Amino acid sequence: MSKALTLKRSYLPGDFAIWIVIYVELLTFGLFFVGYVFSRRLNVQMFNDSQLFLNKTAGFIDTLILITSSYFIVKAIQRIKNSKENDIHISSDVASKWLLATMVFGGIFLINKLLEFSDIFSQGFGLSSNTFFMFYLLLTMFHFMHVLLGTIIIFMIRQKVKILGYSPTDYTGMETGAVYWHLVDLLWIVLFALIYIMR
């Protein structure tokens, strides 16, 4: 293994391309966040009043779900990374279960968000209701799509784990998926703080 590759592995887990994706995603969400904060400053009272219609408990539960799921995917990678050649079958089986738990929690998050969207729409709110709900729905639905994509990626990683496609010397694909999942987690934490908590 070359020195350059060793340095890359030390500082950038996963494939380099995922970091380009992360940069673009952070820039996109960052612009949305800046737009939200700027719009909120123009009409603080309306944003605060509209925020009262959100289910903060559901938002908090979603936060715990994603943080926990990030822990699960880390455990899966650690199991493969620290496995020995003679126990790769066992390690892959354990890692597969951690990945399944990650997917299940991702699915719970998606179901929880669908219920929350249903509640908001049943109250008569939509994109055109006011600026707050426009941002709320755009941001949360955009994030919803990222969680859905992340869950599909983890499913694909799990399928490869089940056929012993990763080893202690080759787990970059797992790290790539995990980096994306951690991004989804981080974005939700910021989104939750801005939309559900900030007054």
Protein backbone atom coordinates (compact mmCIF):
# COMPACT_ATOMS: atom_id res chain seq x y z
CA MET A 1 0.00 0.00 0.00
CA SER A 2 1.43 3.36 -1.02
CA LYS A 3 2.11 6.17 1.42
CA ALA A 4 -0.48 8.38 -0.30
CA LEU A 5 -3.15 5.70 0.04
CA THR A 6 -2.19 5.18 3.69
CA LEU A 7 -2.63 8.90 4.37
CA LYS A 8 -5.99 8.86 2.59
CA ARG A 9 -7.16 5.94 4.72
CA SER A 10 -5.99 7.76 7.85
CA TYR A 11 -7.88 10.97 7.24
CA LEU A 12 -10.71 10.26 4.80
CA PRO A 13 -12.71 7.12 5.52
CA GLY A 14 -14.54 5.73 2.54
CA ASP A 15 -14.17 6.54 -1.12
CA PHE A 16 -12.92 10.03 -1.99
CA ALA A 17 -15.95 10.61 -4.25
CA ILE A 18 -18.30 10.51 -1.24
CA TRP A 19 -16.53 13.55 0.17
CA ILE A 20 -17.34 15.49 -2.98
CA VAL A 21 -20.98 14.44 -2.55
CA ILE A 22 -20.85 15.52 1.09
CA TYR A 23 -19.42 18.91 0.14
CA VAL A 24 -22.26 19.47 -2.36
CA GLU A 25 -24.89 18.28 0.13
CA LEU A 26 -23.55 20.49 2.92
CA LEU A 27 -23.51 23.45 0.56
CA THR A 28 -27.10 22.76 -0.57
CA PHE A 29 -28.49 22.28 2.93
CA GLY A 30 -26.36 25.17 4.18
CA LEU A 31 -28.04 27.53 1.70
CA PHE A 32 -31.45 26.26 2.84
CA PHE A 33 -30.47 26.79 6.49
CA VAL A 34 -29.22 30.32 5.83
CA GLY A 35 -32.43 31.09 3.93
CA TYR A 36 -34.48 29.76 6.85
CA VAL A 37 -32.61 31.83 9.45
CA PHE A 38 -32.79 34.99 7.32
CA SER A 39 -36.54 34.54 6.66
CA ARG A 40 -37.15 33.84 10.34
CA ARG A 41 -35.50 37.12 11.33
CA LEU A 42 -37.99 38.97 9.11
CA ASN A 43 -41.00 37.50 10.91
CA VAL A 44 -40.00 35.89 14.21
CA GLN A 45 -43.50 35.83 15.65
CA MET A 46 -45.02 34.02 12.68
CA PHE A 47 -42.23 31.42 12.74
CA ASN A 48 -42.65 30.91 16.50
CA ASP A 49 -46.43 30.59 16.22
CA SER A 50 -46.19 28.14 13.31
CA GLN A 51 -43.59 26.08 15.15
CA LEU A 52 -46.16 25.30 17.85
CA PHE A 53 -48.01 23.05 15.38
CA LEU A 54 -45.00 20.74 15.06
CA ASN A 55 -44.63 17.61 17.14
CA LYS A 56 -41.39 18.26 19.02
CA THR A 57 -41.56 14.85 20.70
CA ALA A 58 -41.62 13.12 17.31
CA GLY A 59 -38.72 15.28 16.17
CA PHE A 60 -36.72 14.39 19.27
CA ILE A 61 -37.47 10.68 18.81
CA ASP A 62 -36.30 10.96 15.20
CA THR A 63 -33.04 12.46 16.46
CA LEU A 64 -32.47 9.58 18.87
CA ILE A 65 -33.32 7.08 16.13
CA LEU A 66 -30.72 8.45 13.72
CA ILE A 67 -28.01 8.83 16.36
CA THR A 68 -28.59 5.24 17.45
CA SER A 69 -28.56 4.00 13.86
CA SER A 70 -25.20 5.72 13.32
CA TYR A 71 -23.86 3.79 16.30
CA PHE A 72 -25.10 0.56 14.74
CA ILE A 73 -23.32 1.12 11.44
CA VAL A 74 -20.09 1.97 13.27
CA LYS A 75 -20.36 -1.34 15.12
CA ALA A 76 -20.79 -3.16 11.81
CA ILE A 77 -17.64 -1.63 10.37
CA GLN A 78 -15.65 -2.28 13.52
CA ARG A 79 -16.65 -5.94 13.44
CA ILE A 80 -15.35 -6.37 9.89
CA LYS A 81 -12.30 -4.17 10.44
CA ASN A 82 -11.21 -6.09 13.55
CA SER A 83 -12.08 -9.57 12.33
CA LYS A 84 -9.52 -12.31 11.91
CA GLU A 85 -9.11 -14.41 8.79
CA ASN A 86 -10.43 -17.51 10.52
CA ASP A 87 -13.60 -15.85 11.84
CA ILE A 88 -14.64 -13.71 8.85
CA HIS A 89 -17.85 -15.77 8.50
CA ILE A 90 -18.87 -15.01 12.08
CA SER A 91 -17.80 -11.37 11.82
CA SER A 92 -19.76 -10.91 8.59
CA ASP A 93 -22.83 -12.45 10.20
CA VAL A 94 -22.58 -10.09 13.19
CA ALA A 95 -21.91 -7.09 10.94
CA SER A 96 -24.94 -8.04 8.85
CA LYS A 97 -27.11 -7.92 11.96
CA TRP A 98 -25.78 -4.48 12.91
CA LEU A 99 -26.54 -3.26 9.38
CA LEU A 100 -30.03 -4.75 9.58
CA ALA A 101 -30.57 -2.81 12.82
CA THR A 102 -29.38 0.35 11.04
CA MET A 103 -31.88 -0.25 8.24
CA VAL A 104 -34.71 -0.95 10.68
CA PHE A 105 -34.06 2.30 12.51
CA GLY A 106 -33.88 4.12 9.19
CA GLY A 107 -37.25 2.61 8.32
CA ILE A 108 -38.72 3.67 11.67
CA PHE A 109 -37.51 7.20 11.01
CA LEU A 110 -39.19 7.22 7.58
CA ILE A 111 -42.48 5.90 8.99
CA ASN A 112 -42.37 8.44 11.81
CA LYS A 113 -41.84 11.26 9.31
CA LEU A 114 -44.71 10.06 7.11
CA LEU A 115 -47.00 10.12 10.15
CA GLU A 116 -45.78 13.60 10.99
CA PHE A 117 -46.35 14.81 7.42
CA SER A 118 -49.85 13.32 7.53
CA ASP A 119 -50.56 15.18 10.77
CA ILE A 120 -49.34 18.50 9.32
CA PHE A 121 -51.40 18.09 6.14
CA SER A 122 -54.48 17.05 8.13
CA GLN A 123 -54.22 20.35 10.02
CA GLY A 124 -54.50 22.13 6.68
CA PHE A 125 -50.88 23.22 6.32
CA GLY A 126 -48.91 22.99 3.09
CA LEU A 127 -46.10 24.61 1.16
CA SER A 128 -48.21 27.70 0.47
CA SER A 129 -49.45 28.18 4.06
CA ASN A 130 -46.62 30.51 5.06
CA THR A 131 -42.83 30.83 4.83
CA PHE A 132 -42.25 28.64 7.89
CA PHE A 133 -44.19 25.67 6.54
CA MET A 134 -42.61 26.13 3.12
CA PHE A 135 -39.16 25.72 4.69
CA TYR A 136 -40.32 22.99 7.06
CA LEU A 137 -41.77 20.83 4.30
CA LEU A 138 -38.98 21.47 1.78
CA LEU A 139 -36.22 20.71 4.29
CA THR A 140 -37.80 17.71 5.97
CA MET A 141 -38.96 16.13 2.70
CA PHE A 142 -35.54 16.70 1.12
CA HIS A 143 -33.95 15.09 4.16
CA PHE A 144 -36.53 12.27 4.03
CA MET A 145 -35.31 11.42 0.52
CA HIS A 146 -31.73 11.31 1.81
CA VAL A 147 -32.67 8.88 4.57
CA LEU A 148 -34.50 6.72 2.02
CA LEU A 149 -31.43 6.70 -0.25
CA GLY A 150 -29.16 5.98 2.72
CA THR A 151 -31.31 3.03 3.75
CA ILE A 152 -31.09 1.61 0.22
CA ILE A 153 -27.29 2.05 0.25
CA ILE A 154 -27.04 0.21 3.57
CA PHE A 155 -29.22 -2.58 2.18
CA MET A 156 -26.77 -2.97 -0.73
CA ILE A 157 -23.79 -2.98 1.65
CA ARG A 158 -25.49 -5.64 3.77
CA GLN A 159 -26.05 -7.82 0.73
CA LYS A 160 -22.31 -7.68 0.01
CA VAL A 161 -21.46 -8.37 3.65
CA LYS A 162 -23.63 -11.50 3.54
CA ILE A 163 -21.52 -12.93 0.69
CA LEU A 164 -18.25 -12.06 2.53
CA GLY A 165 -17.57 -9.14 0.20
CA TYR A 166 -15.66 -7.18 2.83
CA SER A 167 -12.60 -8.05 4.88
CA PRO A 168 -10.23 -6.41 7.40
CA THR A 169 -8.16 -5.17 4.45
CA ASP A 170 -11.08 -4.14 2.23
CA TYR A 171 -14.00 -2.35 3.86
CA THR A 172 -13.90 0.98 2.02
CA GLY A 173 -17.39 0.43 0.62
CA MET A 174 -18.79 0.05 4.13
CA GLU A 175 -17.05 3.23 5.25
CA THR A 176 -18.40 5.09 2.22
CA GLY A 177 -21.98 4.13 3.13
CA ALA A 178 -21.36 4.98 6.78
CA VAL A 179 -19.99 8.42 5.93
CA TYR A 180 -23.14 9.17 3.95
CA TRP A 181 -25.32 7.90 6.81
CA HIS A 182 -23.45 10.07 9.31
CA LEU A 183 -24.05 13.05 7.00
CA VAL A 184 -27.79 12.31 7.05
CA ASP A 185 -27.61 12.12 10.85
CA LEU A 186 -25.70 15.41 11.17
CA LEU A 187 -28.06 17.24 8.82
CA TRP A 188 -31.07 16.08 10.84
CA ILE A 189 -29.53 17.29 14.12
CA VAL A 190 -29.03 20.78 12.64
CA LEU A 191 -32.47 20.71 11.03
CA PHE A 192 -34.13 19.64 14.28
CA ALA A 193 -32.40 22.42 16.23
CA LEU A 194 -33.33 25.09 13.69
CA ILE A 195 -36.92 24.17 12.93
CA TYR A 196 -38.19 22.45 16.06
CA ILE A 197 -36.22 24.10 18.86
CA MET A 198 -34.94 27.57 17.96
CA ARG A 199 -37.23 30.30 19.27
